Amino acid sequence: MPAITVRNISVETHRALKARAKARGTSAEAEVRAILDAAVRPEGGSGFGTKLHNIFRRSGYSLPEIKRDKSPSEPAIFE
């Protein structure tokens, strides 16, 4: 499994990381992994449209259902 080393973090950052890990009942290393995973992976693997839809849904607005036209499209003809 790949590994990284992070050097030269501030004492304050290190203390905050250890406090956060303790509050969650995990090790500092496990907390760093969780932070990195959350930072680089999209929320639920969703794209921009899904995120936007979720924002509207949480706000109470009702979005119309969109029926997608799944019929084959015809290529453009340029004369």
N, C-alpha and C. Protein backbone atom coordinates (compact mmCIF):
# COMPACT_ATOMS: atom_id res chain seq x y z
N MET A 1 0.85 -1.17 0.00
CA MET A 1 0.00 0.00 0.00
C MET A 1 0.91 1.24 0.00
N PRO A 2 0.57 2.26 -0.78
CA PRO A 2 1.38 3.48 -0.82
C PRO A 2 1.39 4.19 0.53
N ALA A 3 2.49 4.90 0.79
CA ALA A 3 2.62 5.66 2.03
C ALA A 3 3.23 7.02 1.71
N ILE A 4 2.90 8.02 2.51
CA ILE A 4 3.49 9.34 2.36
C ILE A 4 3.97 9.82 3.72
N THR A 5 4.88 10.76 3.69
CA THR A 5 5.36 11.39 4.92
C THR A 5 5.13 12.88 4.77
N VAL A 6 4.54 13.48 5.77
CA VAL A 6 4.30 14.92 5.77
C VAL A 6 5.23 15.54 6.79
N ARG A 7 6.09 16.43 6.32
CA ARG A 7 7.07 17.05 7.21
C ARG A 7 6.71 18.50 7.46
N ASN A 8 7.27 19.01 8.53
CA ASN A 8 7.21 20.44 8.85
C ASN A 8 5.80 20.97 9.07
N ILE A 9 4.93 20.19 9.70
CA ILE A 9 3.64 20.74 10.09
C ILE A 9 3.83 21.49 11.40
N SER A 10 3.01 22.47 11.63
CA SER A 10 3.15 23.28 12.84
C SER A 10 2.75 22.47 14.08
N VAL A 11 3.26 22.89 15.20
CA VAL A 11 2.91 22.25 16.47
C VAL A 11 1.41 22.36 16.70
N GLU A 12 0.83 23.52 16.36
CA GLU A 12 -0.60 23.72 16.55
C GLU A 12 -1.42 22.75 15.71
N THR A 13 -0.99 22.55 14.47
CA THR A 13 -1.70 21.61 13.59
C THR A 13 -1.60 20.20 14.13
N HIS A 14 -0.44 19.82 14.60
CA HIS A 14 -0.24 18.47 15.16
C HIS A 14 -1.12 18.27 16.39
N ARG A 15 -1.16 19.26 17.27
CA ARG A 15 -2.00 19.16 18.47
C ARG A 15 -3.47 19.05 18.09
N ALA A 16 -3.90 19.89 17.14
CA ALA A 16 -5.30 19.87 16.72
C ALA A 16 -5.66 18.53 16.09
N LEU A 17 -4.75 17.99 15.31
CA LEU A 17 -4.99 16.69 14.68
C LEU A 17 -5.14 15.60 15.74
N LYS A 18 -4.26 15.59 16.71
CA LYS A 18 -4.34 14.58 17.77
C LYS A 18 -5.61 14.75 18.61
N ALA A 19 -6.01 16.00 18.86
CA ALA A 19 -7.24 16.24 19.62
C ALA A 19 -8.46 15.77 18.82
N ARG A 20 -8.45 16.05 17.52
CA ARG A 20 -9.56 15.62 16.67
C ARG A 20 -9.66 14.10 16.63
N ALA A 21 -8.51 13.45 16.51
CA ALA A 21 -8.50 11.98 16.49
C ALA A 21 -8.99 11.42 17.82
N LYS A 22 -8.55 12.00 18.91
CA LYS A 22 -8.98 11.52 20.22
C LYS A 22 -10.49 11.68 20.39
N ALA A 23 -11.03 12.83 19.94
CA ALA A 23 -12.47 13.08 20.05
C ALA A 23 -13.28 12.06 19.24
N ARG A 24 -12.70 11.56 18.16
CA ARG A 24 -13.39 10.58 17.31
C ARG A 24 -13.04 9.14 17.68
N GLY A 25 -12.13 8.99 18.64
CA GLY A 25 -11.76 7.65 19.07
C GLY A 25 -10.89 6.91 18.07
N THR A 26 -10.08 7.65 17.30
CA THR A 26 -9.19 7.02 16.32
C THR A 26 -7.76 7.49 16.57
N SER A 27 -6.85 6.91 15.83
CA SER A 27 -5.46 7.34 15.91
C SER A 27 -5.27 8.58 15.02
N ALA A 28 -4.19 9.29 15.25
CA ALA A 28 -3.87 10.44 14.42
C ALA A 28 -3.67 10.00 12.96
N GLU A 29 -3.05 8.85 12.78
CA GLU A 29 -2.84 8.33 11.43
C GLU A 29 -4.16 8.04 10.72
N ALA A 30 -5.08 7.41 11.43
CA ALA A 30 -6.40 7.12 10.85
C ALA A 30 -7.14 8.41 10.54
N GLU A 31 -6.97 9.41 11.39
CA GLU A 31 -7.62 10.70 11.15
C GLU A 31 -7.06 11.38 9.91
N VAL A 32 -5.75 11.31 9.73
CA VAL A 32 -5.13 11.89 8.53
C VAL A 32 -5.66 11.19 7.28
N ARG A 33 -5.77 9.86 7.34
CA ARG A 33 -6.33 9.13 6.18
C ARG A 33 -7.75 9.58 5.87
N ALA A 34 -8.57 9.73 6.91
CA ALA A 34 -9.96 10.16 6.70
C ALA A 34 -10.01 11.56 6.11
N ILE A 35 -9.17 12.45 6.60
CA ILE A 35 -9.14 13.82 6.09
C ILE A 35 -8.72 13.83 4.62
N LEU A 36 -7.68 13.08 4.29
CA LEU A 36 -7.22 13.02 2.90
C LEU A 36 -8.27 12.41 1.98
N ASP A 37 -8.90 11.32 2.43
CA ASP A 37 -9.96 10.69 1.63
C ASP A 37 -11.09 11.68 1.35
N ALA A 38 -11.52 12.39 2.37
CA ALA A 38 -12.62 13.35 2.21
C ALA A 38 -12.22 14.51 1.29
N ALA A 39 -10.95 14.88 1.32
CA ALA A 39 -10.50 16.01 0.53
C ALA A 39 -10.38 15.70 -0.96
N VAL A 40 -10.07 14.46 -1.30
CA VAL A 40 -9.80 14.16 -2.71
C VAL A 40 -10.88 13.34 -3.40
N ARG A 41 -11.81 12.80 -2.65
CA ARG A 41 -12.87 12.01 -3.27
C ARG A 41 -14.16 12.82 -3.32
N PRO A 42 -14.85 12.77 -4.47
CA PRO A 42 -16.13 13.49 -4.54
C PRO A 42 -17.14 12.90 -3.56
N GLU A 43 -18.02 13.73 -3.07
CA GLU A 43 -19.05 13.31 -2.12
C GLU A 43 -19.94 12.25 -2.75
N GLY A 44 -19.88 11.06 -2.22
CA GLY A 44 -20.72 9.98 -2.72
C GLY A 44 -20.45 9.62 -4.17
N GLY A 45 -19.30 10.04 -4.69
CA GLY A 45 -18.99 9.76 -6.08
C GLY A 45 -19.86 10.53 -7.04
N SER A 46 -20.51 11.58 -6.58
CA SER A 46 -21.44 12.31 -7.43
C SER A 46 -20.75 13.45 -8.15
N GLY A 47 -21.32 13.82 -9.26
CA GLY A 47 -20.81 14.92 -10.05
C GLY A 47 -21.48 16.23 -9.69
N PHE A 48 -21.19 17.24 -10.48
CA PHE A 48 -21.69 18.58 -10.22
C PHE A 48 -23.23 18.63 -10.22
N GLY A 49 -23.85 17.98 -11.20
CA GLY A 49 -25.31 18.01 -11.29
C GLY A 49 -25.99 17.40 -10.07
N THR A 50 -25.45 16.29 -9.60
CA THR A 50 -26.01 15.65 -8.41
C THR A 50 -25.85 16.53 -7.18
N LYS A 51 -24.67 17.15 -7.05
CA LYS A 51 -24.43 18.05 -5.91
C LYS A 51 -25.41 19.22 -5.96
N LEU A 52 -25.60 19.80 -7.14
CA LEU A 52 -26.53 20.92 -7.28
C LEU A 52 -27.95 20.49 -6.95
N HIS A 53 -28.36 19.33 -7.42
CA HIS A 53 -29.69 18.80 -7.12
C HIS A 53 -29.87 18.63 -5.62
N ASN A 54 -28.85 18.11 -4.94
CA ASN A 54 -28.93 17.90 -3.49
C ASN A 54 -29.04 19.21 -2.73
N ILE A 55 -28.39 20.25 -3.22
CA ILE A 55 -28.50 21.56 -2.58
C ILE A 55 -29.95 22.05 -2.65
N PHE A 56 -30.55 21.95 -3.82
CA PHE A 56 -31.94 22.39 -3.99
C PHE A 56 -32.89 21.52 -3.15
N ARG A 57 -32.64 20.22 -3.14
CA ARG A 57 -33.50 19.31 -2.38
C ARG A 57 -33.47 19.64 -0.89
N ARG A 58 -32.29 19.90 -0.35
CA ARG A 58 -32.16 20.24 1.07
C ARG A 58 -32.80 21.58 1.39
N SER A 59 -32.84 22.49 0.41
CA SER A 59 -33.38 23.82 0.67
C SER A 59 -34.91 23.83 0.65
N GLY A 60 -35.55 22.74 0.22
CA GLY A 60 -37.00 22.67 0.22
C GLY A 60 -37.63 22.99 -1.12
N TYR A 61 -36.84 23.42 -2.09
CA TYR A 61 -37.39 23.69 -3.41
C TYR A 61 -37.72 22.38 -4.11
N SER A 62 -38.76 22.41 -4.90
CA SER A 62 -39.16 21.24 -5.63
C SER A 62 -38.68 21.37 -7.07
N LEU A 63 -37.90 20.41 -7.52
CA LEU A 63 -37.41 20.43 -8.89
C LEU A 63 -38.30 19.53 -9.75
N PRO A 64 -38.59 19.97 -10.97
CA PRO A 64 -39.43 19.15 -11.84
C PRO A 64 -38.68 17.89 -12.27
N GLU A 65 -39.43 16.84 -12.47
CA GLU A 65 -38.84 15.62 -13.01
C GLU A 65 -38.58 15.85 -14.49
N ILE A 66 -37.44 15.47 -14.94
CA ILE A 66 -37.08 15.64 -16.35
C ILE A 66 -37.04 14.25 -16.99
N LYS A 67 -37.86 14.09 -18.00
CA LYS A 67 -37.87 12.84 -18.74
C LYS A 67 -36.86 12.97 -19.88
N ARG A 68 -35.89 12.10 -19.89
CA ARG A 68 -34.86 12.17 -20.92
C ARG A 68 -35.35 11.46 -22.18
N ASP A 69 -35.10 12.10 -23.30
CA ASP A 69 -35.42 11.51 -24.60
C ASP A 69 -34.30 10.55 -24.95
N LYS A 70 -34.62 9.27 -24.96
CA LYS A 70 -33.60 8.26 -25.21
C LYS A 70 -33.60 7.77 -26.65
N SER A 71 -34.37 8.43 -27.50
CA SER A 71 -34.37 8.02 -28.90
C SER A 71 -33.05 8.44 -29.56
N PRO A 72 -32.61 7.67 -30.54
CA PRO A 72 -31.33 8.00 -31.19
C PRO A 72 -31.42 9.36 -31.87
N SER A 73 -30.35 10.09 -31.81
CA SER A 73 -30.33 11.40 -32.47
C SER A 73 -29.82 11.24 -33.90
N GLU A 74 -30.24 12.15 -34.73
CA GLU A 74 -29.80 12.15 -36.13
C GLU A 74 -28.60 13.05 -36.27
N PRO A 75 -27.63 12.64 -37.05
CA PRO A 75 -26.46 13.50 -37.24
C PRO A 75 -26.82 14.77 -38.00
N ALA A 76 -26.09 15.83 -37.74
CA ALA A 76 -26.32 17.09 -38.44
C ALA A 76 -25.86 16.96 -39.89
N ILE A 77 -26.62 17.61 -40.77
CA ILE A 77 -26.26 17.59 -42.20
C ILE A 77 -25.90 19.02 -42.60
N PHE A 78 -24.69 19.21 -43.06
CA PHE A 78 -24.21 20.52 -43.51
C PHE A 78 -24.07 20.49 -45.00
N GLU A 79 -24.73 21.43 -45.67
CA GLU A 79 -24.65 21.45 -47.14
C GLU A 79 -23.84 22.62 -47.62
